[in-house]
Amino acid sequence: MTDLILHLAARLRRWLDRRFPPGANPGGTPPSTPVARPAPRLPAHGSPYGLDGPLDGNAGALVRPYLGGALLHEFTA
């Protein structure tokens, strides 16, 4: 069975090579060159929260309040 499949594949390849020689374009027209397009513009940078100004890091509560004293001690030393 394997010999039959290989034989049919070789025969099909020979027929395709006769019908469409390598390097020939079946449509008859040369392939078009791609057109270079400019990259799309990115939107202006803004806050994902809808705020206009920068966020103040000291205005919010600490995530780990038990580190507050240790951090103050570290910065004052």
N, C-alpha and C. Protein backbone atom coordinates (compact mmCIF):
# COMPACT_ATOMS: atom_id res chain seq x y z
N MET A 1 0.82 -1.20 0.00
CA MET A 1 0.00 0.00 0.00
C MET A 1 0.86 1.25 0.00
N THR A 2 1.99 1.21 0.74
CA THR A 2 2.88 2.36 0.79
C THR A 2 3.46 2.63 -0.59
N ASP A 3 3.80 1.57 -1.31
CA ASP A 3 4.35 1.75 -2.66
C ASP A 3 3.34 2.42 -3.57
N LEU A 4 2.06 2.09 -3.43
CA LEU A 4 1.03 2.69 -4.27
C LEU A 4 0.92 4.19 -3.99
N ILE A 5 0.96 4.56 -2.71
CA ILE A 5 0.86 5.98 -2.35
C ILE A 5 2.07 6.75 -2.87
N LEU A 6 3.27 6.20 -2.69
CA LEU A 6 4.47 6.87 -3.19
C LEU A 6 4.44 6.98 -4.72
N HIS A 7 3.97 5.93 -5.39
CA HIS A 7 3.89 5.96 -6.86
C HIS A 7 2.92 7.04 -7.31
N LEU A 8 1.75 7.10 -6.67
CA LEU A 8 0.76 8.12 -7.06
C LEU A 8 1.27 9.53 -6.76
N ALA A 9 1.97 9.71 -5.64
CA ALA A 9 2.51 11.03 -5.30
C ALA A 9 3.56 11.46 -6.32
N ALA A 10 4.44 10.54 -6.72
CA ALA A 10 5.47 10.86 -7.72
C ALA A 10 4.83 11.19 -9.06
N ARG A 11 3.80 10.44 -9.41
CA ARG A 11 3.13 10.69 -10.69
C ARG A 11 2.41 12.04 -10.67
N LEU A 12 1.78 12.37 -9.55
CA LEU A 12 1.12 13.67 -9.43
C LEU A 12 2.13 14.80 -9.49
N ARG A 13 3.29 14.62 -8.85
CA ARG A 13 4.34 15.64 -8.87
C ARG A 13 4.84 15.87 -10.30
N ARG A 14 5.05 14.79 -11.05
CA ARG A 14 5.50 14.94 -12.45
C ARG A 14 4.45 15.68 -13.27
N TRP A 15 3.17 15.33 -13.09
CA TRP A 15 2.11 16.00 -13.84
C TRP A 15 2.04 17.48 -13.48
N LEU A 16 2.16 17.81 -12.18
CA LEU A 16 2.12 19.21 -11.77
C LEU A 16 3.33 19.99 -12.29
N ASP A 17 4.51 19.33 -12.34
CA ASP A 17 5.69 20.01 -12.87
C ASP A 17 5.56 20.30 -14.35
N ARG A 18 4.89 19.42 -15.09
CA ARG A 18 4.66 19.67 -16.53
C ARG A 18 3.60 20.76 -16.71
N ARG A 19 2.57 20.71 -15.90
CA ARG A 19 1.47 21.67 -16.03
C ARG A 19 1.87 23.06 -15.53
N PHE A 20 2.56 23.11 -14.41
CA PHE A 20 3.01 24.37 -13.82
C PHE A 20 4.51 24.26 -13.55
N PRO A 21 5.34 24.67 -14.50
CA PRO A 21 6.78 24.55 -14.30
C PRO A 21 7.23 25.36 -13.08
N PRO A 22 8.29 24.91 -12.39
CA PRO A 22 8.78 25.65 -11.23
C PRO A 22 9.19 27.07 -11.62
N GLY A 23 8.77 28.05 -10.84
CA GLY A 23 9.09 29.44 -11.10
C GLY A 23 8.08 30.14 -11.99
N ALA A 24 7.18 29.40 -12.59
CA ALA A 24 6.17 30.02 -13.45
C ALA A 24 4.98 30.46 -12.60
N ASN A 25 4.46 31.61 -12.93
CA ASN A 25 3.29 32.12 -12.23
C ASN A 25 2.07 31.73 -13.04
N PRO A 26 1.16 30.88 -12.50
CA PRO A 26 0.03 30.42 -13.28
C PRO A 26 -0.90 31.56 -13.72
N GLY A 27 -0.97 32.64 -12.99
CA GLY A 27 -1.86 33.73 -13.35
C GLY A 27 -1.32 34.58 -14.48
N GLY A 28 -0.03 34.54 -14.74
CA GLY A 28 0.55 35.31 -15.82
C GLY A 28 0.95 36.73 -15.41
N THR A 29 0.54 37.20 -14.28
CA THR A 29 0.92 38.54 -13.84
C THR A 29 1.97 38.41 -12.74
N PRO A 30 2.93 39.31 -12.72
CA PRO A 30 3.94 39.24 -11.66
C PRO A 30 3.32 39.56 -10.30
N PRO A 31 3.84 38.97 -9.25
CA PRO A 31 3.28 39.27 -7.93
C PRO A 31 3.52 40.72 -7.57
N SER A 32 2.52 41.32 -6.95
CA SER A 32 2.64 42.73 -6.59
C SER A 32 3.52 42.89 -5.35
N THR A 33 4.20 44.02 -5.29
CA THR A 33 5.04 44.30 -4.13
C THR A 33 4.16 44.88 -3.03
N PRO A 34 4.41 44.53 -1.79
CA PRO A 34 3.58 45.07 -0.71
C PRO A 34 3.80 46.57 -0.53
N VAL A 35 2.74 47.25 -0.19
CA VAL A 35 2.77 48.69 0.00
C VAL A 35 3.10 48.97 1.47
N ALA A 36 4.09 49.82 1.70
CA ALA A 36 4.47 50.17 3.08
C ALA A 36 3.46 51.17 3.62
N ARG A 37 2.87 50.82 4.75
CA ARG A 37 1.91 51.71 5.39
C ARG A 37 2.52 52.26 6.67
N PRO A 38 2.21 53.51 7.00
CA PRO A 38 2.74 54.04 8.26
C PRO A 38 2.07 53.34 9.45
N ALA A 39 2.81 53.26 10.54
CA ALA A 39 2.28 52.62 11.74
C ALA A 39 1.13 53.47 12.30
N PRO A 40 0.11 52.82 12.84
CA PRO A 40 -0.99 53.62 13.40
C PRO A 40 -0.53 54.41 14.63
N ARG A 41 -1.10 55.57 14.80
CA ARG A 41 -0.73 56.42 15.93
C ARG A 41 -1.34 55.86 17.21
N LEU A 42 -0.55 55.89 18.26
CA LEU A 42 -1.03 55.44 19.56
C LEU A 42 -1.82 56.56 20.23
N PRO A 43 -2.78 56.20 21.06
CA PRO A 43 -3.52 57.26 21.76
C PRO A 43 -2.62 57.96 22.77
N ALA A 44 -3.00 59.18 23.11
CA ALA A 44 -2.22 59.96 24.08
C ALA A 44 -2.23 59.25 25.42
N HIS A 45 -1.10 59.32 26.13
CA HIS A 45 -1.01 58.67 27.43
C HIS A 45 -1.92 59.35 28.43
N GLY A 46 -2.65 58.56 29.13
CA GLY A 46 -3.54 59.11 30.15
C GLY A 46 -3.73 58.12 31.27
N SER A 47 -4.33 58.56 32.32
CA SER A 47 -4.58 57.71 33.47
C SER A 47 -5.68 56.71 33.13
N PRO A 48 -5.50 55.44 33.51
CA PRO A 48 -6.57 54.48 33.25
C PRO A 48 -7.78 54.72 34.15
N TYR A 49 -7.64 55.58 35.13
CA TYR A 49 -8.74 55.87 36.05
C TYR A 49 -9.48 57.14 35.67
N GLY A 50 -9.13 57.76 34.58
CA GLY A 50 -9.81 58.95 34.13
C GLY A 50 -9.33 60.21 34.81
N LEU A 51 -8.20 60.17 35.51
CA LEU A 51 -7.68 61.35 36.19
C LEU A 51 -6.75 62.11 35.25
N ASP A 52 -6.75 63.41 35.38
CA ASP A 52 -5.91 64.22 34.49
C ASP A 52 -4.47 64.33 35.00
N GLY A 53 -4.29 64.43 36.31
CA GLY A 53 -2.96 64.62 36.86
C GLY A 53 -2.37 63.32 37.38
N PRO A 54 -1.10 63.38 37.80
CA PRO A 54 -0.47 62.18 38.36
C PRO A 54 -1.04 61.86 39.74
N LEU A 55 -0.96 60.60 40.13
CA LEU A 55 -1.44 60.19 41.44
C LEU A 55 -0.39 60.51 42.51
N ASP A 56 -0.87 60.91 43.68
CA ASP A 56 0.01 61.20 44.81
C ASP A 56 0.14 59.92 45.63
N GLY A 57 1.35 59.39 45.74
CA GLY A 57 1.56 58.15 46.45
C GLY A 57 1.39 58.29 47.95
N ASN A 58 1.59 59.46 48.49
CA ASN A 58 1.45 59.66 49.94
C ASN A 58 0.01 59.89 50.37
N ALA A 59 -0.89 60.10 49.44
CA ALA A 59 -2.27 60.40 49.79
C ALA A 59 -3.06 59.14 50.15
N GLY A 60 -2.62 57.98 49.68
CA GLY A 60 -3.37 56.74 49.93
C GLY A 60 -2.93 56.06 51.20
N ALA A 61 -3.75 55.14 51.66
CA ALA A 61 -3.42 54.37 52.86
C ALA A 61 -2.36 53.33 52.51
N LEU A 62 -1.57 52.96 53.48
CA LEU A 62 -0.55 51.94 53.25
C LEU A 62 -1.20 50.58 53.10
N VAL A 63 -0.65 49.78 52.25
CA VAL A 63 -1.16 48.43 52.07
C VAL A 63 -0.79 47.59 53.28
N ARG A 64 0.41 47.77 53.77
CA ARG A 64 0.87 47.05 54.97
C ARG A 64 1.19 48.10 56.04
N PRO A 65 0.18 48.50 56.81
CA PRO A 65 0.39 49.59 57.76
C PRO A 65 1.42 49.27 58.84
N TYR A 66 1.65 48.01 59.12
CA TYR A 66 2.63 47.66 60.15
C TYR A 66 4.05 48.01 59.73
N LEU A 67 4.28 48.28 58.44
CA LEU A 67 5.60 48.68 57.98
C LEU A 67 5.82 50.18 58.07
N GLY A 68 4.77 50.93 58.37
CA GLY A 68 4.89 52.39 58.40
C GLY A 68 5.97 52.88 59.34
N GLY A 69 6.00 52.37 60.56
CA GLY A 69 7.02 52.78 61.52
C GLY A 69 8.41 52.36 61.09
N ALA A 70 8.56 51.16 60.55
CA ALA A 70 9.87 50.67 60.11
C ALA A 70 10.39 51.49 58.94
N LEU A 71 9.50 51.86 58.04
CA LEU A 71 9.92 52.67 56.89
C LEU A 71 10.33 54.07 57.34
N LEU A 72 9.59 54.66 58.27
CA LEU A 72 9.97 55.99 58.76
C LEU A 72 11.33 55.94 59.45
N HIS A 73 11.54 54.91 60.23
CA HIS A 73 12.83 54.74 60.91
C HIS A 73 13.96 54.59 59.89
N GLU A 74 13.68 53.87 58.81
CA GLU A 74 14.69 53.64 57.76
C GLU A 74 15.04 54.94 57.04
N PHE A 75 14.04 55.77 56.76
CA PHE A 75 14.28 57.00 56.00
C PHE A 75 14.93 58.08 56.85
N THR A 76 14.71 58.07 58.14
CA THR A 76 15.29 59.10 58.99
C THR A 76 16.74 58.77 59.36
N ALA A 77 17.14 57.53 59.25
CA ALA A 77 18.50 57.13 59.61
C ALA A 77 19.50 57.46 58.53
